[in-house]
């Protein structure tokens, strides 16, 4: 099972289409962590688990979504309401309160992964306007579920090439959550 995570395209339709087209025919779950700047009912996003970002003004977007895949509970939020610019501790606390083992977020435009207080917090970066160490590389991420206790995270550039130094294999530790 695969989950494709995108964020912060800020109105760039073609960027999202390239990713969605790349995975056409595969059974994947698409997650958009906000700041698409599209209407909630836009056909392009209709197959995505999606949430509002601080630049999404359609009030139909939920602030948070949760879903289960492969026996793992996921939380999706943009992150601005959890102050992710200051770290992931508020996000991890919020996700844990919702019973999530993994939290997907955006907002910072910086790809990032950290297990904090038992919750794997993961930012796919931005598909249009990246920041941070990979500021010149727009990215998205693919999380592969091997089992409810084994997952893999791989970051990709917009040519769908894996960023080899950004591949993580996790196993579920009963006390510490998903660790690598």
C-alpha atoms as a PDB file:
ATOM      1  CA  UNK A   1       0.000   0.000   0.000  1.00  0.00           C
ATOM      2  CA  UNK A   2       1.293   3.435  -0.921  1.00  0.00           C
ATOM      3  CA  UNK A   3       0.383   6.905   0.251  1.00  0.00           C
ATOM      4  CA  UNK A   4       1.536   9.806  -1.939  1.00  0.00           C
ATOM      5  CA  UNK A   5       1.876  13.042   0.043  1.00  0.00           C
ATOM      6  CA  UNK A   6       1.946  16.488  -1.595  1.00  0.00           C
ATOM      7  CA  UNK A   7       1.756  19.972  -0.171  1.00  0.00           C
ATOM      8  CA  UNK A   8       1.903  23.680  -0.855  1.00  0.00           C
ATOM      9  CA  UNK A   9       1.476  23.807  -4.632  1.00  0.00           C
ATOM     10  CA  UNK A  10      -0.052  27.309  -4.267  1.00  0.00           C
ATOM     11  CA  UNK A  11      -2.222  27.205  -7.370  1.00  0.00           C
ATOM     12  CA  UNK A  12       0.211  25.305  -9.581  1.00  0.00           C
ATOM     13  CA  UNK A  13      -2.151  22.853 -11.284  1.00  0.00           C
ATOM     14  CA  UNK A  14       0.334  21.319 -13.723  1.00  0.00           C
ATOM     15  CA  UNK A  15       2.656  20.344 -10.879  1.00  0.00           C
ATOM     16  CA  UNK A  16      -0.050  18.257  -9.222  1.00  0.00           C
ATOM     17  CA  UNK A  17      -1.218  16.760 -12.511  1.00  0.00           C
ATOM     18  CA  UNK A  18       2.301  15.463 -13.202  1.00  0.00           C
ATOM     19  CA  UNK A  19       2.350  13.639  -9.876  1.00  0.00           C
ATOM     20  CA  UNK A  20      -1.174  12.259 -10.170  1.00  0.00           C
ATOM     21  CA  UNK A  21      -0.540  11.133 -13.759  1.00  0.00           C
ATOM     22  CA  UNK A  22       2.702   9.444 -12.739  1.00  0.00           C
ATOM     23  CA  UNK A  23       0.768   7.210 -10.335  1.00  0.00           C
ATOM     24  CA  UNK A  24      -2.257   6.609 -12.564  1.00  0.00           C
ATOM     25  CA  UNK A  25      -3.149   2.959 -12.687  1.00  0.00           C
ATOM     26  CA  UNK A  26      -1.558   2.279  -9.303  1.00  0.00           C
ATOM     27  CA  UNK A  27      -3.605   1.751  -6.175  1.00  0.00           C
ATOM     28  CA  UNK A  28      -2.448   4.651  -4.015  1.00  0.00           C
ATOM     29  CA  UNK A  29      -3.961   7.023  -1.498  1.00  0.00           C
ATOM     30  CA  UNK A  30      -3.256  10.670  -2.292  1.00  0.00           C
ATOM     31  CA  UNK A  31      -2.891  13.154   0.560  1.00  0.00           C
ATOM     32  CA  UNK A  32      -2.709  16.935   0.109  1.00  0.00           C
ATOM     33  CA  UNK A  33      -1.655  18.743   3.276  1.00  0.00           C
ATOM     34  CA  UNK A  34      -2.964  22.149   2.276  1.00  0.00           C
ATOM     35  CA  UNK A  35      -2.286  25.389   0.442  1.00  0.00           C
ATOM     36  CA  UNK A  36      -3.495  24.107  -2.906  1.00  0.00           C
ATOM     37  CA  UNK A  37      -5.385  27.386  -3.363  1.00  0.00           C
ATOM     38  CA  UNK A  38      -8.041  25.432  -5.305  1.00  0.00           C
ATOM     39  CA  UNK A  39     -11.726  25.258  -4.429  1.00  0.00           C
ATOM     40  CA  UNK A  40     -12.491  22.271  -2.220  1.00  0.00           C
ATOM     41  CA  UNK A  41     -14.661  20.696  -4.915  1.00  0.00           C
ATOM     42  CA  UNK A  42     -12.016  21.098  -7.647  1.00  0.00           C
ATOM     43  CA  UNK A  43     -12.016  17.884  -9.670  1.00  0.00           C
ATOM     44  CA  UNK A  44      -8.213  17.660  -9.588  1.00  0.00           C
ATOM     45  CA  UNK A  45      -8.240  17.138  -5.810  1.00  0.00           C
ATOM     46  CA  UNK A  46     -11.436  15.084  -5.585  1.00  0.00           C
ATOM     47  CA  UNK A  47      -9.534  11.816  -5.053  1.00  0.00           C
ATOM     48  CA  UNK A  48      -7.285  13.242  -2.315  1.00  0.00           C
ATOM     49  CA  UNK A  49      -7.532  13.254   1.443  1.00  0.00           C
ATOM     50  CA  UNK A  50      -7.175  17.028   1.752  1.00  0.00           C
ATOM     51  CA  UNK A  51      -7.178  19.766   4.352  1.00  0.00           C
ATOM     52  CA  UNK A  52      -7.145  23.538   4.444  1.00  0.00           C
ATOM     53  CA  UNK A  53      -3.982  25.566   4.587  1.00  0.00           C
ATOM     54  CA  UNK A  54      -3.465  29.142   5.662  1.00  0.00           C
ATOM     55  CA  UNK A  55      -3.775  30.190   1.975  1.00  0.00           C
ATOM     56  CA  UNK A  56      -6.914  28.146   1.233  1.00  0.00           C
ATOM     57  CA  UNK A  57      -9.989  30.305   1.541  1.00  0.00           C
ATOM     58  CA  UNK A  58     -12.715  27.827   0.660  1.00  0.00           C
ATOM     59  CA  UNK A  59     -14.458  27.134   3.979  1.00  0.00           C
ATOM     60  CA  UNK A  60     -15.493  23.637   2.848  1.00  0.00           C
ATOM     61  CA  UNK A  61     -11.988  22.334   3.546  1.00  0.00           C
ATOM     62  CA  UNK A  62     -11.643  20.525   6.868  1.00  0.00           C
ATOM     63  CA  UNK A  63      -8.837  21.648   9.152  1.00  0.00           C
ATOM     64  CA  UNK A  64      -7.959  18.051  10.003  1.00  0.00           C
ATOM     65  CA  UNK A  65      -8.602  14.644   8.477  1.00  0.00           C
ATOM     66  CA  UNK A  66      -7.818  11.229   9.898  1.00  0.00           C
ATOM     67  CA  UNK A  67      -7.839   7.872   8.152  1.00  0.00           C
ATOM     68  CA  UNK A  68      -6.587   4.356   8.603  1.00  0.00           C
ATOM     69  CA  UNK A  69      -4.581   2.401   6.081  1.00  0.00           C
ATOM     70  CA  UNK A  70      -2.914  -0.952   6.642  1.00  0.00           C
ATOM     71  CA  UNK A  71      -3.757  -0.922  10.338  1.00  0.00           C
ATOM     72  CA  UNK A  72      -2.029   2.444  10.888  1.00  0.00           C
ATOM     73  CA  UNK A  73      -3.898   5.612  11.897  1.00  0.00           C
ATOM     74  CA  UNK A  74      -2.883   8.791  10.047  1.00  0.00           C
ATOM     75  CA  UNK A  75      -3.656  12.426  10.798  1.00  0.00           C
ATOM     76  CA  UNK A  76      -3.535  15.100   8.091  1.00  0.00           C
ATOM     77  CA  UNK A  77      -3.303  18.821   8.837  1.00  0.00           C
ATOM     78  CA  UNK A  78      -1.538  21.802   7.331  1.00  0.00           C
ATOM     79  CA  UNK A  79       0.279  22.506  10.565  1.00  0.00           C
ATOM     80  CA  UNK A  80      -0.127  26.257  10.892  1.00  0.00           C
ATOM     81  CA  UNK A  81      -2.606  25.782  13.755  1.00  0.00           C
ATOM     82  CA  UNK A  82      -0.048  23.571  15.524  1.00  0.00           C
ATOM     83  CA  UNK A  83       2.755  26.157  15.049  1.00  0.00           C
ATOM     84  CA  UNK A  84       4.985  23.745  13.118  1.00  0.00           C
ATOM     85  CA  UNK A  85       7.380  26.579  12.270  1.00  0.00           C
ATOM     86  CA  UNK A  86       8.503  26.246  15.906  1.00  0.00           C
ATOM     87  CA  UNK A  87       8.818  22.438  15.853  1.00  0.00           C
ATOM     88  CA  UNK A  88       6.566  19.398  15.764  1.00  0.00           C
ATOM     89  CA  UNK A  89       5.862  18.938  19.479  1.00  0.00           C
ATOM     90  CA  UNK A  90       2.377  20.531  19.329  1.00  0.00           C
ATOM     91  CA  UNK A  91       1.561  18.542  16.197  1.00  0.00           C
ATOM     92  CA  UNK A  92       2.713  15.298  17.836  1.00  0.00           C
ATOM     93  CA  UNK A  93       0.649  16.033  20.950  1.00  0.00           C
ATOM     94  CA  UNK A  94      -2.430  16.812  18.835  1.00  0.00           C
ATOM     95  CA  UNK A  95      -1.963  13.699  16.674  1.00  0.00           C
ATOM     96  CA  UNK A  96      -1.500  11.512  19.740  1.00  0.00           C
ATOM     97  CA  UNK A  97      -4.729  12.891  21.223  1.00  0.00           C
ATOM     98  CA  UNK A  98      -6.473  11.817  17.988  1.00  0.00           C
ATOM     99  CA  UNK A  99      -4.977   8.328  18.238  1.00  0.00           C
ATOM    100  CA  UNK A 100      -2.716   8.798  15.207  1.00  0.00           C
ATOM    101  CA  UNK A 101       0.646   7.092  14.817  1.00  0.00           C
ATOM    102  CA  UNK A 102       1.679   9.213  11.825  1.00  0.00           C
ATOM    103  CA  UNK A 103       0.977  12.909  11.187  1.00  0.00           C
ATOM    104  CA  UNK A 104       1.306  14.466   7.725  1.00  0.00           C
ATOM    105  CA  UNK A 105       1.687  18.241   7.574  1.00  0.00           C
ATOM    106  CA  UNK A 106       2.851  21.072   5.301  1.00  0.00           C
ATOM    107  CA  UNK A 107       3.073  24.833   5.844  1.00  0.00           C
ATOM    108  CA  UNK A 108       6.857  25.175   6.258  1.00  0.00           C
ATOM    109  CA  UNK A 109       7.656  24.140   2.661  1.00  0.00           C
ATOM    110  CA  UNK A 110      10.567  22.167   4.192  1.00  0.00           C
ATOM    111  CA  UNK A 111      10.741  18.413   3.862  1.00  0.00           C
ATOM    112  CA  UNK A 112      11.147  16.890   7.298  1.00  0.00           C
ATOM    113  CA  UNK A 113      10.581  13.727   9.283  1.00  0.00           C
ATOM    114  CA  UNK A 114      10.870  13.134  13.010  1.00  0.00           C
ATOM    115  CA  UNK A 115       9.320  10.758  15.495  1.00  0.00           C
ATOM    116  CA  UNK A 116       8.353  12.879  18.467  1.00  0.00           C
ATOM    117  CA  UNK A 117       6.618  11.490  21.538  1.00  0.00           C
ATOM    118  CA  UNK A 118       5.657   8.324  19.663  1.00  0.00           C
ATOM    119  CA  UNK A 119       4.248  10.051  16.559  1.00  0.00           C
ATOM    120  CA  UNK A 120       6.017  10.099  13.203  1.00  0.00           C
ATOM    121  CA  UNK A 121       5.611  13.688  11.968  1.00  0.00           C
ATOM    122  CA  UNK A 122       6.292  14.033   8.264  1.00  0.00           C
ATOM    123  CA  UNK A 123       6.386  16.991   5.875  1.00  0.00           C
ATOM    124  CA  UNK A 124       6.695  16.252   2.150  1.00  0.00           C
ATOM    125  CA  UNK A 125       8.163  19.681   1.397  1.00  0.00           C
ATOM    126  CA  UNK A 126       6.595  21.815  -1.310  1.00  0.00           C
ATOM    127  CA  UNK A 127       5.913  20.715  -4.879  1.00  0.00           C
ATOM    128  CA  UNK A 128       6.209  24.338  -6.037  1.00  0.00           C
ATOM    129  CA  UNK A 129       8.074  26.596  -3.601  1.00  0.00           C
ATOM    130  CA  UNK A 130      10.468  24.575  -1.429  1.00  0.00           C
ATOM    131  CA  UNK A 131      12.493  26.088   1.406  1.00  0.00           C
ATOM    132  CA  UNK A 132      15.298  24.980   3.661  1.00  0.00           C
ATOM    133  CA  UNK A 133      18.195  22.709   2.787  1.00  0.00           C
ATOM    134  CA  UNK A 134      16.392  21.457  -0.346  1.00  0.00           C
ATOM    135  CA  UNK A 135      15.177  24.907  -1.427  1.00  0.00           C
ATOM    136  CA  UNK A 136      16.143  24.250  -5.045  1.00  0.00           C
ATOM    137  CA  UNK A 137      14.321  20.908  -5.210  1.00  0.00           C
ATOM    138  CA  UNK A 138      10.514  20.748  -5.216  1.00  0.00           C
ATOM    139  CA  UNK A 139       9.526  17.478  -3.566  1.00  0.00           C
ATOM    140  CA  UNK A 140       6.751  15.079  -2.700  1.00  0.00           C
ATOM    141  CA  UNK A 141       6.870  11.905  -0.637  1.00  0.00           C
ATOM    142  CA  UNK A 142       5.679   8.319  -0.846  1.00  0.00           C
ATOM    143  CA  UNK A 143       5.023   6.296   2.272  1.00  0.00           C
ATOM    144  CA  UNK A 144       4.875   2.556   1.615  1.00  0.00           C
ATOM    145  CA  UNK A 145       3.153   0.346   4.159  1.00  0.00           C
ATOM    146  CA  UNK A 146       4.758  -3.098   4.289  1.00  0.00           C
ATOM    147  CA  UNK A 147       2.825  -4.103   7.421  1.00  0.00           C
ATOM    148  CA  UNK A 148       1.235  -2.357  10.391  1.00  0.00           C
ATOM    149  CA  UNK A 149       4.674  -2.329  12.010  1.00  0.00           C
ATOM    150  CA  UNK A 150       6.954  -1.716   8.990  1.00  0.00           C
ATOM    151  CA  UNK A 151       6.805   1.364   6.754  1.00  0.00           C
ATOM    152  CA  UNK A 152       9.128   3.135   4.355  1.00  0.00           C
ATOM    153  CA  UNK A 153       9.328   6.813   3.455  1.00  0.00           C
ATOM    154  CA  UNK A 154      10.941   8.046   0.246  1.00  0.00           C
ATOM    155  CA  UNK A 155      11.178  11.645  -0.980  1.00  0.00           C
ATOM    156  CA  UNK A 156      11.081  12.344  -4.732  1.00  0.00           C
ATOM    157  CA  UNK A 157      11.883  15.297  -6.959  1.00  0.00           C
ATOM    158  CA  UNK A 158       9.473  16.490  -9.634  1.00  0.00           C
ATOM    159  CA  UNK A 159      11.114  14.228 -12.229  1.00  0.00           C
ATOM    160  CA  UNK A 160       9.937  11.368  -9.990  1.00  0.00           C
ATOM    161  CA  UNK A 161      13.509  10.497  -9.124  1.00  0.00           C
ATOM    162  CA  UNK A 162      14.105   9.300  -5.560  1.00  0.00           C
ATOM    163  CA  UNK A 163      16.323  11.474  -3.408  1.00  0.00           C
ATOM    164  CA  UNK A 164      18.524   8.601  -2.274  1.00  0.00           C
ATOM    165  CA  UNK A 165      19.713  10.303   0.916  1.00  0.00           C
ATOM    166  CA  UNK A 166      16.057  10.766   1.891  1.00  0.00           C
ATOM    167  CA  UNK A 167      14.859   7.189   2.217  1.00  0.00           C
ATOM    168  CA  UNK A 168      13.833   5.913   5.639  1.00  0.00           C
ATOM    169  CA  UNK A 169      12.730   2.507   6.852  1.00  0.00           C
ATOM    170  CA  UNK A 170      10.771   2.438  10.105  1.00  0.00           C
ATOM    171  CA  UNK A 171       9.661  -0.252  12.469  1.00  0.00           C
ATOM    172  CA  UNK A 172       7.069   0.185  15.152  1.00  0.00           C
ATOM    173  CA  UNK A 173       8.442   0.223  18.674  1.00  0.00           C
ATOM    174  CA  UNK A 174       5.688  -0.283  21.264  1.00  0.00           C
ATOM    175  CA  UNK A 175       6.909   2.640  23.380  1.00  0.00           C
ATOM    176  CA  UNK A 176       8.601   4.993  20.929  1.00  0.00           C
ATOM    177  CA  UNK A 177       6.397   4.721  17.844  1.00  0.00           C
ATOM    178  CA  UNK A 178       7.822   4.395  14.318  1.00  0.00           C
ATOM    179  CA  UNK A 179      11.604   4.658  14.497  1.00  0.00           C
ATOM    180  CA  UNK A 180      14.432   4.114  12.019  1.00  0.00           C
END
